[in-house]
């Protein structure tokens, strides 16, 4: 609510949702169009059948897709979570991919107030479906999501640091990121999302697998590795 509704530059830099500027809205649309780098990568290989990727500063696009990929990898954990089995987790996660913490924070609050019901995974042993939903254990879905998250994460880091030489070197990109944190509420929201998902990663991994060790506390990359294991 603070990120969405607080007045312009007080206390969060940038403008609230009800006073969003056209250029900010255009930025959001452009980043969403470049979701998971699909269009930019296709265009790099000379494929423009789906259209031309809108121009977005590589730092902004890298941060956006890193945050989205982090949230993307939460779905297998939601499916394995016993407390959330009776909640509309898939719908909340799907909406959360676009509205991020505005949806996922309320989901976590609802989940915290939901009692854990008795559930016998063995009764679903012969039922078709993902292992995560049937047995509450890692399976093919976890590996798919972990592998995809790893690929998008690496591409996000590359894009942020090296893509488009016209964006300058590392110092110019660092200065651009610093400016975003002081002027752009959308980018601040994505960084807040990353911080929140770091906490949720540690919580879910430790509740699902007490032997996850240090991986639970290594943001993003620890989740990728754990899902792939």
Protein backbone atom coordinates (compact mmCIF):
# COMPACT_ATOMS: atom_id res chain seq x y z
CA UNK A 1 0.00 0.00 0.00
CA UNK A 2 2.88 2.38 0.79
CA UNK A 3 4.47 1.75 -2.60
CA UNK A 4 1.18 2.08 -4.47
CA UNK A 5 -0.54 4.94 -2.69
CA UNK A 6 1.92 7.15 -0.80
CA UNK A 7 2.16 10.70 -2.22
CA UNK A 8 4.81 11.60 -4.77
CA UNK A 9 8.33 11.40 -3.30
CA UNK A 10 6.96 11.02 0.22
CA UNK A 11 8.33 8.79 1.61
CA UNK A 12 9.01 6.66 -1.49
CA UNK A 13 10.56 8.30 -4.57
CA UNK A 14 8.43 8.55 -7.69
CA UNK A 15 4.69 8.81 -8.16
CA UNK A 16 1.81 6.71 -6.74
CA UNK A 17 -0.39 4.50 -8.90
CA UNK A 18 -3.20 7.08 -8.99
CA UNK A 19 -0.84 9.78 -10.34
CA UNK A 20 1.32 7.69 -12.64
CA UNK A 21 2.93 9.68 -15.43
CA UNK A 22 2.55 8.63 -19.10
CA UNK A 23 6.28 7.98 -19.44
CA UNK A 24 6.24 5.72 -16.37
CA UNK A 25 3.27 3.79 -17.74
CA UNK A 26 5.06 3.46 -21.05
CA UNK A 27 8.11 2.10 -19.22
CA UNK A 28 5.98 -0.53 -17.47
CA UNK A 29 4.39 -1.58 -20.77
CA UNK A 30 7.78 -1.79 -22.48
CA UNK A 31 9.29 -3.91 -19.70
CA UNK A 32 6.26 -6.20 -19.72
CA UNK A 33 6.57 -6.59 -23.50
CA UNK A 34 10.21 -7.65 -22.99
CA UNK A 35 9.10 -10.21 -20.37
CA UNK A 36 11.81 -12.83 -19.76
CA UNK A 37 13.80 -11.29 -22.65
CA UNK A 38 11.79 -13.27 -25.22
CA UNK A 39 11.47 -10.48 -27.80
CA UNK A 40 14.94 -8.96 -27.30
CA UNK A 41 16.64 -12.35 -27.68
CA UNK A 42 14.57 -13.28 -30.75
CA UNK A 43 15.39 -9.92 -32.32
CA UNK A 44 19.09 -10.51 -31.63
CA UNK A 45 18.87 -13.62 -33.80
CA UNK A 46 17.06 -11.73 -36.53
CA UNK A 47 13.62 -13.12 -35.67
CA UNK A 48 10.94 -10.45 -35.64
CA UNK A 49 7.82 -12.55 -36.32
CA UNK A 50 6.45 -11.58 -32.89
CA UNK A 51 7.37 -7.94 -33.32
CA UNK A 52 10.20 -5.65 -32.35
CA UNK A 53 11.19 -5.38 -28.72
CA UNK A 54 10.63 -1.88 -27.32
CA UNK A 55 13.78 -0.09 -26.19
CA UNK A 56 14.34 -0.37 -22.43
CA UNK A 57 17.51 0.57 -20.56
CA UNK A 58 19.38 -2.71 -19.87
CA UNK A 59 19.63 -2.02 -16.14
CA UNK A 60 15.87 -1.48 -15.80
CA UNK A 61 15.09 -4.55 -17.88
CA UNK A 62 17.60 -6.70 -16.03
CA UNK A 63 16.18 -5.80 -12.61
CA UNK A 64 12.60 -6.30 -13.83
CA UNK A 65 13.21 -9.77 -15.25
CA UNK A 66 15.33 -10.85 -12.27
CA UNK A 67 12.47 -9.96 -9.91
CA UNK A 68 9.91 -11.69 -12.16
CA UNK A 69 12.01 -14.86 -12.43
CA UNK A 70 12.44 -14.94 -8.64
CA UNK A 71 8.66 -14.79 -8.14
CA UNK A 72 8.22 -17.34 -10.96
CA UNK A 73 10.30 -19.90 -9.04
CA UNK A 74 8.02 -19.69 -5.99
CA UNK A 75 5.24 -21.73 -7.60
CA UNK A 76 6.67 -25.21 -6.88
CA UNK A 77 7.18 -24.13 -3.26
CA UNK A 78 3.57 -22.98 -3.03
CA UNK A 79 2.41 -26.34 -4.36
CA UNK A 80 4.50 -28.24 -1.81
CA UNK A 81 3.33 -26.05 1.09
CA UNK A 82 0.79 -27.93 3.25
CA UNK A 83 -0.65 -24.79 4.82
CA UNK A 84 -1.56 -23.28 1.47
CA UNK A 85 -3.13 -26.32 -0.15
CA UNK A 86 -6.70 -25.03 0.26
CA UNK A 87 -5.88 -21.50 -0.90
CA UNK A 88 -6.11 -20.23 -4.51
CA UNK A 89 -2.33 -20.23 -4.74
CA UNK A 90 -2.11 -20.58 -8.51
CA UNK A 91 -4.42 -17.61 -9.11
CA UNK A 92 -2.63 -15.48 -6.53
CA UNK A 93 0.77 -16.41 -7.96
CA UNK A 94 -0.39 -15.68 -11.52
CA UNK A 95 -1.65 -12.23 -10.55
CA UNK A 96 1.44 -11.72 -8.41
CA UNK A 97 3.64 -12.18 -11.47
CA UNK A 98 2.31 -8.79 -12.61
CA UNK A 99 1.35 -7.00 -9.37
CA UNK A 100 4.12 -8.63 -7.29
CA UNK A 101 4.09 -7.72 -3.58
CA UNK A 102 0.68 -6.04 -3.85
CA UNK A 103 -0.79 -9.55 -4.20
CA UNK A 104 1.78 -11.88 -2.67
CA UNK A 105 1.96 -10.06 0.67
CA UNK A 106 -1.82 -10.45 1.25
CA UNK A 107 -1.49 -14.12 0.21
CA UNK A 108 1.18 -14.67 2.86
CA UNK A 109 -1.03 -12.99 5.46
CA UNK A 110 -4.02 -15.17 4.53
CA UNK A 111 -1.81 -18.23 4.55
CA UNK A 112 -0.49 -17.41 8.03
CA UNK A 113 -4.07 -17.40 9.36
CA UNK A 114 -4.95 -20.70 7.65
CA UNK A 115 -4.66 -23.84 9.82
CA UNK A 116 -2.73 -26.80 8.48
CA UNK A 117 -5.23 -29.52 7.59
CA UNK A 118 -4.54 -33.22 7.83
CA UNK A 119 -3.16 -34.42 4.54
CA UNK A 120 -1.93 -37.87 3.58
CA UNK A 121 0.34 -37.68 0.50
CA UNK A 122 0.25 -41.47 0.13
CA UNK A 123 -3.41 -41.28 -0.89
CA UNK A 124 -2.33 -39.37 -4.00
CA UNK A 125 0.54 -41.69 -4.92
CA UNK A 126 -1.27 -43.14 -7.95
CA UNK A 127 -3.00 -39.93 -9.04
CA UNK A 128 -1.84 -38.20 -12.21
CA UNK A 129 -0.25 -34.77 -11.90
CA UNK A 130 2.85 -33.01 -10.72
CA UNK A 131 4.70 -34.64 -7.83
CA UNK A 132 4.71 -31.27 -6.08
CA UNK A 133 0.89 -31.15 -5.97
CA UNK A 134 0.33 -34.86 -5.33
CA UNK A 135 3.01 -35.65 -2.77
CA UNK A 136 4.34 -32.29 -1.63
CA UNK A 137 7.79 -33.24 -2.89
CA UNK A 138 10.16 -31.93 -5.53
CA UNK A 139 9.75 -33.45 -8.96
CA UNK A 140 9.91 -32.52 -12.63
CA UNK A 141 8.16 -29.18 -12.10
CA UNK A 142 10.81 -28.09 -9.61
CA UNK A 143 13.60 -28.94 -12.02
CA UNK A 144 11.88 -27.12 -14.90
CA UNK A 145 11.29 -24.01 -12.83
CA UNK A 146 14.78 -24.13 -11.33
CA UNK A 147 16.43 -24.53 -14.73
CA UNK A 148 14.38 -21.76 -16.28
CA UNK A 149 15.00 -19.48 -13.32
CA UNK A 150 18.73 -20.13 -13.54
CA UNK A 151 18.78 -19.27 -17.25
CA UNK A 152 16.75 -16.06 -16.83
CA UNK A 153 18.78 -15.08 -13.78
CA UNK A 154 22.09 -15.42 -15.61
CA UNK A 155 20.68 -13.53 -18.59
CA UNK A 156 19.40 -10.79 -16.26
CA UNK A 157 22.86 -10.34 -14.76
CA UNK A 158 24.46 -10.24 -18.22
CA UNK A 159 21.83 -7.79 -19.49
CA UNK A 160 22.24 -5.50 -16.49
CA UNK A 161 26.02 -5.40 -16.66
CA UNK A 162 26.98 -5.77 -20.33
CA UNK A 163 24.10 -5.55 -22.82
CA UNK A 164 24.01 -2.47 -25.10
CA UNK A 165 27.41 -0.74 -24.99
CA UNK A 166 25.68 2.62 -25.43
CA UNK A 167 24.47 2.31 -21.83
CA UNK A 168 28.07 2.73 -20.69
CA UNK A 169 30.36 0.71 -18.48
CA UNK A 170 29.81 -0.64 -14.98
CA UNK A 171 30.19 2.76 -13.30
CA UNK A 172 27.61 4.38 -15.59
CA UNK A 173 25.20 1.50 -15.01
CA UNK A 174 25.71 1.70 -11.25
CA UNK A 175 24.97 5.42 -11.40
CA UNK A 176 21.85 4.74 -13.46
CA UNK A 177 20.65 2.16 -10.92
CA UNK A 178 21.31 4.60 -8.06
CA UNK A 179 19.27 7.22 -9.88
CA UNK A 180 16.41 4.73 -10.35
CA UNK A 181 16.35 4.08 -6.59
CA UNK A 182 15.96 7.81 -5.98
CA UNK A 183 13.48 8.67 -8.74
CA UNK A 184 11.58 5.63 -10.06
CA UNK A 185 8.95 3.99 -7.85
CA UNK A 186 8.44 1.09 -10.26
CA UNK A 187 12.09 0.07 -9.98
CA UNK A 188 12.02 0.55 -6.20
CA UNK A 189 9.01 -1.80 -6.09
CA UNK A 190 10.93 -4.49 -7.98
CA UNK A 191 13.87 -4.22 -5.59
CA UNK A 192 11.46 -4.49 -2.64
CA UNK A 193 9.98 -7.58 -4.32
CA UNK A 194 13.43 -9.16 -4.55
CA UNK A 195 14.06 -8.47 -0.85
CA UNK A 196 10.70 -9.97 0.16
CA UNK A 197 11.15 -13.07 -1.98
CA UNK A 198 14.57 -13.60 -0.37
CA UNK A 199 12.76 -13.89 2.97
CA UNK A 200 10.05 -16.17 1.55
CA UNK A 201 12.69 -18.36 -0.08
CA UNK A 202 14.41 -18.96 3.24
CA UNK A 203 11.13 -19.56 5.07
CA UNK A 204 9.63 -22.00 2.56
CA UNK A 205 12.84 -23.90 1.91
CA UNK A 206 13.46 -24.43 5.62
CA UNK A 207 9.84 -25.47 6.25
CA UNK A 208 9.85 -27.88 3.30
CA UNK A 209 13.38 -29.24 3.66
CA UNK A 210 15.22 -28.92 6.95
CA UNK A 211 18.32 -30.25 5.20
CA UNK A 212 18.40 -27.42 2.65
CA UNK A 213 21.28 -25.93 4.62
CA UNK A 214 22.89 -22.69 3.48
CA UNK A 215 21.09 -22.80 0.12
CA UNK A 216 17.99 -21.39 1.82
CA UNK A 217 19.91 -18.23 2.67
CA UNK A 218 21.60 -17.69 -0.69
CA UNK A 219 19.13 -15.40 -2.47
CA UNK A 220 17.89 -16.58 -5.84
CA UNK A 221 20.81 -18.85 -6.75
CA UNK A 222 20.29 -21.07 -3.72
CA UNK A 223 16.67 -21.56 -4.77
CA UNK A 224 17.71 -22.41 -8.33
CA UNK A 225 20.15 -25.06 -7.11
CA UNK A 226 17.71 -26.52 -4.57
CA UNK A 227 14.96 -26.87 -7.16
CA UNK A 228 17.35 -28.59 -9.52
CA UNK A 229 18.67 -31.04 -6.90
